[in-house]
Amino acid sequence: MSLRDATIDRERRDLVSHEVMDESRLIRFVAGPDGQVVPDLGRKLPGRGLWVEASRASVEAAVKKNGFTRAAKTKLTAPADLADVIERLLARRCLDQLGLARREGVLISGFEKTAASLRAGKAAWVLEAADGSADGRGKILALARHQTAKICGAFTADDLSLALGLENAIHAVLLAGGRADRWTIEVERLAGFRPLRPPHWDVSSVEDGSAGAPPTGAS
């Protein structure tokens, strides 16, 4: 059963806010045998689940205010950098999903192919390297502005290249379908820990960019 299937119509209570939420918006934790709080991002580990909203603020609050101990009604220890650990684990899951998508043929890379997929309305997500050139990014995002595709710039070119088995991976699209649905769950949880649009991206390049020839070295 996929993570997407497992979260359909299931709700849990966030132990920080006490708000009832869909599982897709939460991170599951369990108590380890040594009394440590253990992240269970795949929701497969045995034991009672301790649920926290998928956001840095919520995880940090759970650690600072001993929320895991209160929810479990037993002494639990959580590392001070638990939110950073969750961010790294979620990023790894997202990149692994992209590698699977490429092997399945539902991830298209390269400037020209990315632009063509956007023009055809086939893209569910546009993936732009966080450290790619503003010129190429502006052209791709200008195309995406007229589509329903969502934008992700949470990964560097090195991250994308390693995950996809490519050199200098800068521009890519994830085509609509089941894999994109699963990716959406993972990346939207990651968005609680790191911005999907890096702060240094120049917003004006999105507004003023136009789809034209690819910038030199784009892929």
C-alpha atoms as a PDB file:
ATOM      1  CA  MET A   1       0.000   0.000   0.000  1.00  0.00           C
ATOM      2  CA  SER A   2       1.376   3.405  -0.923  1.00  0.00           C
ATOM      3  CA  LEU A   3       1.661   6.310   1.496  1.00  0.00           C
ATOM      4  CA  ARG A   4      -1.014   8.104  -0.526  1.00  0.00           C
ATOM      5  CA  ASP A   5      -3.441   5.170  -0.232  1.00  0.00           C
ATOM      6  CA  ALA A   6      -2.723   4.801   3.480  1.00  0.00           C
ATOM      7  CA  THR A   7      -3.608   8.416   4.232  1.00  0.00           C
ATOM      8  CA  ILE A   8      -6.913   8.648   2.358  1.00  0.00           C
ATOM      9  CA  ASP A   9      -9.727   9.684   4.724  1.00  0.00           C
ATOM     10  CA  ARG A  10      -7.591   9.127   7.825  1.00  0.00           C
ATOM     11  CA  GLU A  11      -7.158  11.806  10.446  1.00  0.00           C
ATOM     12  CA  ARG A  12      -5.000  12.123  13.539  1.00  0.00           C
ATOM     13  CA  ARG A  13      -4.592  14.653  16.324  1.00  0.00           C
ATOM     14  CA  ASP A  14      -1.485  16.830  16.307  1.00  0.00           C
ATOM     15  CA  LEU A  15       0.016  16.510  19.791  1.00  0.00           C
ATOM     16  CA  VAL A  16       1.157  20.165  19.760  1.00  0.00           C
ATOM     17  CA  SER A  17      -1.933  22.072  18.627  1.00  0.00           C
ATOM     18  CA  HIS A  18      -4.396  19.244  19.408  1.00  0.00           C
ATOM     19  CA  GLU A  19      -5.973  19.957  16.026  1.00  0.00           C
ATOM     20  CA  VAL A  20      -7.325  16.979  14.073  1.00  0.00           C
ATOM     21  CA  MET A  21      -5.682  16.804  10.641  1.00  0.00           C
ATOM     22  CA  ASP A  22      -5.370  14.522   7.661  1.00  0.00           C
ATOM     23  CA  GLU A  23      -2.421  12.149   8.038  1.00  0.00           C
ATOM     24  CA  SER A  24      -0.802  13.612   4.945  1.00  0.00           C
ATOM     25  CA  ARG A  25      -0.174  16.828   6.910  1.00  0.00           C
ATOM     26  CA  LEU A  26       1.498  15.055   9.827  1.00  0.00           C
ATOM     27  CA  ILE A  27       4.720  13.288  10.789  1.00  0.00           C
ATOM     28  CA  ARG A  28       4.415  10.027  12.724  1.00  0.00           C
ATOM     29  CA  PHE A  29       6.824   9.228  15.542  1.00  0.00           C
ATOM     30  CA  VAL A  30       7.109   6.173  17.759  1.00  0.00           C
ATOM     31  CA  ALA A  31       8.895   5.435  21.015  1.00  0.00           C
ATOM     32  CA  GLY A  32      12.114   3.498  20.503  1.00  0.00           C
ATOM     33  CA  PRO A  33      13.180   0.720  22.876  1.00  0.00           C
ATOM     34  CA  ASP A  34      15.728   3.061  24.483  1.00  0.00           C
ATOM     35  CA  GLY A  35      13.185   5.784  25.144  1.00  0.00           C
ATOM     36  CA  GLN A  36      14.218   7.853  22.142  1.00  0.00           C
ATOM     37  CA  VAL A  37      11.686   9.479  19.822  1.00  0.00           C
ATOM     38  CA  VAL A  38      11.971   7.788  16.415  1.00  0.00           C
ATOM     39  CA  PRO A  39      10.623   9.384  13.202  1.00  0.00           C
ATOM     40  CA  ASP A  40       8.446   7.040  11.131  1.00  0.00           C
ATOM     41  CA  LEU A  41       7.967   8.879   7.858  1.00  0.00           C
ATOM     42  CA  GLY A  42       6.700   5.774   6.069  1.00  0.00           C
ATOM     43  CA  ARG A  43       4.209   5.012   8.837  1.00  0.00           C
ATOM     44  CA  LYS A  44       5.293   1.393   9.087  1.00  0.00           C
ATOM     45  CA  LEU A  45       7.021   1.023  12.460  1.00  0.00           C
ATOM     46  CA  PRO A  46       5.227  -0.876  15.220  1.00  0.00           C
ATOM     47  CA  GLY A  47       3.987   0.889  18.305  1.00  0.00           C
ATOM     48  CA  ARG A  48       1.630   3.689  19.148  1.00  0.00           C
ATOM     49  CA  GLY A  49       1.951   6.629  16.781  1.00  0.00           C
ATOM     50  CA  LEU A  50       2.717  10.106  18.091  1.00  0.00           C
ATOM     51  CA  TRP A  51       1.638  12.631  15.484  1.00  0.00           C
ATOM     52  CA  VAL A  52       3.005  16.130  14.890  1.00  0.00           C
ATOM     53  CA  GLU A  53       2.131  18.582  12.154  1.00  0.00           C
ATOM     54  CA  ALA A  54       4.690  18.545   9.351  1.00  0.00           C
ATOM     55  CA  SER A  55       6.254  21.893  10.150  1.00  0.00           C
ATOM     56  CA  ARG A  56       9.506  23.000  11.723  1.00  0.00           C
ATOM     57  CA  ALA A  57       7.689  25.109  14.311  1.00  0.00           C
ATOM     58  CA  SER A  58       5.500  22.210  15.453  1.00  0.00           C
ATOM     59  CA  VAL A  59       8.345  19.707  15.749  1.00  0.00           C
ATOM     60  CA  GLU A  60      10.491  22.212  17.632  1.00  0.00           C
ATOM     61  CA  ALA A  61       7.588  22.952  19.978  1.00  0.00           C
ATOM     62  CA  ALA A  62       7.041  19.240  20.632  1.00  0.00           C
ATOM     63  CA  VAL A  63      10.698  18.883  21.604  1.00  0.00           C
ATOM     64  CA  LYS A  64      10.915  22.070  23.674  1.00  0.00           C
ATOM     65  CA  LYS A  65       7.678  21.514  25.581  1.00  0.00           C
ATOM     66  CA  ASN A  66       8.139  17.756  26.164  1.00  0.00           C
ATOM     67  CA  GLY A  67       5.110  17.054  24.014  1.00  0.00           C
ATOM     68  CA  PHE A  68       6.202  13.522  23.166  1.00  0.00           C
ATOM     69  CA  THR A  69       6.500  12.580  26.841  1.00  0.00           C
ATOM     70  CA  ARG A  70       3.064  13.992  27.647  1.00  0.00           C
ATOM     71  CA  ALA A  71       1.409  12.313  24.675  1.00  0.00           C
ATOM     72  CA  ALA A  72       3.011   8.926  25.340  1.00  0.00           C
ATOM     73  CA  LYS A  73       2.525   9.196  29.113  1.00  0.00           C
ATOM     74  CA  THR A  74       6.075   7.932  29.577  1.00  0.00           C
ATOM     75  CA  LYS A  75       9.482   9.579  29.579  1.00  0.00           C
ATOM     76  CA  LEU A  76      10.796  10.042  26.036  1.00  0.00           C
ATOM     77  CA  THR A  77      13.894  11.836  24.802  1.00  0.00           C
ATOM     78  CA  ALA A  78      14.002  13.787  21.558  1.00  0.00           C
ATOM     79  CA  PRO A  79      17.158  15.384  20.094  1.00  0.00           C
ATOM     80  CA  ALA A  80      17.239  19.172  20.011  1.00  0.00           C
ATOM     81  CA  ASP A  81      17.843  19.065  16.246  1.00  0.00           C
ATOM     82  CA  LEU A  82      14.896  16.773  15.515  1.00  0.00           C
ATOM     83  CA  ALA A  83      13.401  19.235  13.010  1.00  0.00           C
ATOM     84  CA  ASP A  84      16.662  19.236  11.046  1.00  0.00           C
ATOM     85  CA  VAL A  85      16.687  15.433  11.069  1.00  0.00           C
ATOM     86  CA  ILE A  86      13.130  15.383   9.703  1.00  0.00           C
ATOM     87  CA  GLU A  87      14.041  17.859   6.977  1.00  0.00           C
ATOM     88  CA  ARG A  88      16.943  15.698   5.811  1.00  0.00           C
ATOM     89  CA  LEU A  89      14.825  12.526   5.853  1.00  0.00           C
ATOM     90  CA  LEU A  90      11.989  14.152   3.917  1.00  0.00           C
ATOM     91  CA  ALA A  91      14.410  15.592   1.360  1.00  0.00           C
ATOM     92  CA  ARG A  92      15.882  12.128   0.851  1.00  0.00           C
ATOM     93  CA  ARG A  93      12.426  10.635   0.336  1.00  0.00           C
ATOM     94  CA  CYS A  94      11.565  13.323  -2.210  1.00  0.00           C
ATOM     95  CA  LEU A  95      14.771  12.786  -4.169  1.00  0.00           C
ATOM     96  CA  ASP A  96      14.286   9.010  -4.106  1.00  0.00           C
ATOM     97  CA  GLN A  97      10.809   9.519  -5.581  1.00  0.00           C
ATOM     98  CA  LEU A  98      12.302  11.596  -8.386  1.00  0.00           C
ATOM     99  CA  GLY A  99      14.796   8.847  -9.183  1.00  0.00           C
ATOM    100  CA  LEU A 100      11.946   6.347  -9.411  1.00  0.00           C
ATOM    101  CA  ALA A 101       9.976   8.744 -11.591  1.00  0.00           C
ATOM    102  CA  ARG A 102      12.843   9.041 -14.066  1.00  0.00           C
ATOM    103  CA  ARG A 103      13.210   5.263 -14.280  1.00  0.00           C
ATOM    104  CA  GLU A 104       9.460   4.995 -14.883  1.00  0.00           C
ATOM    105  CA  GLY A 105       9.658   7.547 -17.684  1.00  0.00           C
ATOM    106  CA  VAL A 106       7.423  10.117 -15.984  1.00  0.00           C
ATOM    107  CA  LEU A 107      10.136  12.657 -15.234  1.00  0.00           C
ATOM    108  CA  ILE A 108      11.387  14.697 -18.175  1.00  0.00           C
ATOM    109  CA  SER A 109      14.628  16.715 -17.910  1.00  0.00           C
ATOM    110  CA  GLY A 110      16.401  19.336 -19.977  1.00  0.00           C
ATOM    111  CA  PHE A 111      15.370  22.860 -20.897  1.00  0.00           C
ATOM    112  CA  GLU A 112      13.734  22.112 -24.251  1.00  0.00           C
ATOM    113  CA  LYS A 113      11.851  19.020 -23.069  1.00  0.00           C
ATOM    114  CA  THR A 114      10.739  20.766 -19.908  1.00  0.00           C
ATOM    115  CA  ALA A 115       9.414  23.700 -21.910  1.00  0.00           C
ATOM    116  CA  ALA A 116       7.653  21.387 -24.367  1.00  0.00           C
ATOM    117  CA  SER A 117       5.975  19.440 -21.561  1.00  0.00           C
ATOM    118  CA  LEU A 118       4.740  22.676 -20.036  1.00  0.00           C
ATOM    119  CA  ARG A 119       3.355  23.913 -23.343  1.00  0.00           C
ATOM    120  CA  ALA A 120       1.541  20.586 -23.755  1.00  0.00           C
ATOM    121  CA  GLY A 121      -0.016  20.900 -20.296  1.00  0.00           C
ATOM    122  CA  LYS A 122       1.397  17.557 -19.125  1.00  0.00           C
ATOM    123  CA  ALA A 123       3.391  18.705 -16.098  1.00  0.00           C
ATOM    124  CA  ALA A 124       2.189  18.295 -12.531  1.00  0.00           C
ATOM    125  CA  TRP A 125       5.406  19.745 -11.065  1.00  0.00           C
ATOM    126  CA  VAL A 126       8.196  21.903 -12.413  1.00  0.00           C
ATOM    127  CA  LEU A 127      11.566  21.148 -10.809  1.00  0.00           C
ATOM    128  CA  GLU A 128      14.155  23.906 -10.963  1.00  0.00           C
ATOM    129  CA  ALA A 129      17.574  23.666  -9.349  1.00  0.00           C
ATOM    130  CA  ALA A 130      17.752  26.183  -6.513  1.00  0.00           C
ATOM    131  CA  ASP A 131      21.156  27.331  -7.719  1.00  0.00           C
ATOM    132  CA  GLY A 132      20.397  27.351 -11.449  1.00  0.00           C
ATOM    133  CA  SER A 133      20.749  30.499 -13.530  1.00  0.00           C
ATOM    134  CA  ALA A 134      18.046  33.144 -13.189  1.00  0.00           C
ATOM    135  CA  ASP A 135      17.855  33.417 -16.977  1.00  0.00           C
ATOM    136  CA  GLY A 136      16.836  29.815 -17.627  1.00  0.00           C
ATOM    137  CA  ARG A 137      14.644  29.660 -14.553  1.00  0.00           C
ATOM    138  CA  GLY A 138      12.803  32.806 -15.561  1.00  0.00           C
ATOM    139  CA  LYS A 139      11.955  31.374 -18.976  1.00  0.00           C
ATOM    140  CA  ILE A 140      10.663  28.095 -17.543  1.00  0.00           C
ATOM    141  CA  LEU A 141       8.670  29.738 -14.765  1.00  0.00           C
ATOM    142  CA  ALA A 142       7.139  32.171 -17.224  1.00  0.00           C
ATOM    143  CA  LEU A 143       5.744  29.172 -19.081  1.00  0.00           C
ATOM    144  CA  ALA A 144       4.594  27.543 -15.857  1.00  0.00           C
ATOM    145  CA  ARG A 145       2.716  30.705 -14.899  1.00  0.00           C
ATOM    146  CA  HIS A 146       0.109  29.846 -17.530  1.00  0.00           C
ATOM    147  CA  GLN A 147      -0.252  26.217 -16.380  1.00  0.00           C
ATOM    148  CA  THR A 148      -1.515  24.416 -13.295  1.00  0.00           C
ATOM    149  CA  ALA A 149       1.875  22.856 -12.561  1.00  0.00           C
ATOM    150  CA  LYS A 150       3.339  23.509  -9.126  1.00  0.00           C
ATOM    151  CA  ILE A 151       6.903  24.738  -8.660  1.00  0.00           C
ATOM    152  CA  CYS A 152       9.690  23.168  -6.600  1.00  0.00           C
ATOM    153  CA  GLY A 153      13.109  24.752  -6.175  1.00  0.00           C
ATOM    154  CA  ALA A 154      14.019  23.013  -2.926  1.00  0.00           C
ATOM    155  CA  PHE A 155      17.017  21.114  -4.297  1.00  0.00           C
ATOM    156  CA  THR A 156      20.375  22.111  -5.725  1.00  0.00           C
ATOM    157  CA  ALA A 157      21.676  21.003  -9.114  1.00  0.00           C
ATOM    158  CA  ASP A 158      23.947  18.530  -7.326  1.00  0.00           C
ATOM    159  CA  ASP A 159      20.974  17.073  -5.428  1.00  0.00           C
ATOM    160  CA  LEU A 160      18.957  16.631  -8.616  1.00  0.00           C
ATOM    161  CA  SER A 161      21.883  15.320 -10.652  1.00  0.00           C
ATOM    162  CA  LEU A 162      22.681  12.644  -8.074  1.00  0.00           C
ATOM    163  CA  ALA A 163      19.048  11.597  -7.657  1.00  0.00           C
ATOM    164  CA  LEU A 164      18.408  11.420 -11.412  1.00  0.00           C
ATOM    165  CA  GLY A 165      21.756   9.975 -12.447  1.00  0.00           C
ATOM    166  CA  LEU A 166      22.398  12.947 -14.744  1.00  0.00           C
ATOM    167  CA  GLU A 167      25.055  15.602 -15.145  1.00  0.00           C
ATOM    168  CA  ASN A 168      24.076  19.187 -14.411  1.00  0.00           C
ATOM    169  CA  ALA A 169      20.356  18.581 -13.877  1.00  0.00           C
ATOM    170  CA  ILE A 170      18.766  22.039 -13.775  1.00  0.00           C
ATOM    171  CA  HIS A 171      15.288  21.865 -15.356  1.00  0.00           C
ATOM    172  CA  ALA A 172      12.790  19.002 -15.149  1.00  0.00           C
ATOM    173  CA  VAL A 173       9.088  18.270 -14.982  1.00  0.00           C
ATOM    174  CA  LEU A 174       7.193  15.505 -13.225  1.00  0.00           C
ATOM    175  CA  LEU A 175       4.292  14.396 -15.372  1.00  0.00           C
ATOM    176  CA  ALA A 176       0.780  14.132 -13.950  1.00  0.00           C
ATOM    177  CA  GLY A 177      -0.167  10.702 -12.587  1.00  0.00           C
ATOM    178  CA  GLY A 178       0.227   8.403  -9.617  1.00  0.00           C
ATOM    179  CA  ARG A 179       3.918   9.094  -9.069  1.00  0.00           C
ATOM    180  CA  ALA A 180       3.244  12.832  -9.055  1.00  0.00           C
ATOM    181  CA  ASP A 181       0.484  12.289  -6.482  1.00  0.00           C
ATOM    182  CA  ARG A 182       2.908  10.426  -4.197  1.00  0.00           C
ATOM    183  CA  TRP A 183       5.587  13.070  -4.721  1.00  0.00           C
ATOM    184  CA  THR A 184       3.083  15.778  -3.786  1.00  0.00           C
ATOM    185  CA  ILE A 185       2.479  14.232  -0.364  1.00  0.00           C
ATOM    186  CA  GLU A 186       6.203  14.037   0.353  1.00  0.00           C
ATOM    187  CA  VAL A 187       7.184  17.457  -0.966  1.00  0.00           C
ATOM    188  CA  GLU A 188       4.289  19.233   0.748  1.00  0.00           C
ATOM    189  CA  ARG A 189       5.472  17.795   4.039  1.00  0.00           C
ATOM    190  CA  LEU A 190       9.005  18.965   3.206  1.00  0.00           C
ATOM    191  CA  ALA A 191       7.600  22.455   2.600  1.00  0.00           C
ATOM    192  CA  GLY A 192       6.991  22.734   6.332  1.00  0.00           C
ATOM    193  CA  PHE A 193      10.747  22.550   6.888  1.00  0.00           C
ATOM    194  CA  ARG A 194      12.285  24.325   3.901  1.00  0.00           C
ATOM    195  CA  PRO A 195      10.810  26.706   1.332  1.00  0.00           C
ATOM    196  CA  LEU A 196       9.939  25.197  -2.027  1.00  0.00           C
ATOM    197  CA  ARG A 197      10.816  28.557  -3.617  1.00  0.00           C
ATOM    198  CA  PRO A 198      14.229  29.689  -2.355  1.00  0.00           C
ATOM    199  CA  PRO A 199      14.211  33.205  -0.894  1.00  0.00           C
ATOM    200  CA  HIS A 200      16.987  34.328  -3.246  1.00  0.00           C
ATOM    201  CA  TRP A 201      14.928  33.647  -6.373  1.00  0.00           C
ATOM    202  CA  ASP A 202      14.199  36.936  -8.089  1.00  0.00           C
ATOM    203  CA  VAL A 203      10.425  37.180  -8.371  1.00  0.00           C
ATOM    204  CA  SER A 204      10.734  39.760 -11.130  1.00  0.00           C
ATOM    205  CA  SER A 205      12.341  37.156 -13.381  1.00  0.00           C
ATOM    206  CA  VAL A 206       9.108  35.176 -13.206  1.00  0.00           C
ATOM    207  CA  GLU A 207       7.020  38.184 -14.139  1.00  0.00           C
ATOM    208  CA  ASP A 208       9.288  39.418 -16.925  1.00  0.00           C
ATOM    209  CA  GLY A 209      10.705  36.150 -18.275  1.00  0.00           C
ATOM    210  CA  SER A 210       9.703  34.867 -21.674  1.00  0.00           C
ATOM    211  CA  ALA A 211      10.046  31.424 -23.226  1.00  0.00           C
ATOM    212  CA  GLY A 212      12.837  31.525 -25.724  1.00  0.00           C
ATOM    213  CA  ALA A 213      16.102  29.831 -26.538  1.00  0.00           C
ATOM    214  CA  PRO A 214      17.669  27.875 -23.668  1.00  0.00           C
ATOM    215  CA  PRO A 215      20.484  29.548 -21.784  1.00  0.00           C
ATOM    216  CA  THR A 216      23.969  28.235 -22.458  1.00  0.00           C
ATOM    217  CA  GLY A 217      24.718  25.080 -20.480  1.00  0.00           C
ATOM    218  CA  ALA A 218      21.106  24.450 -19.435  1.00  0.00           C
ATOM    219  CA  SER A 219      19.967  20.870 -19.044  1.00  0.00           C
END
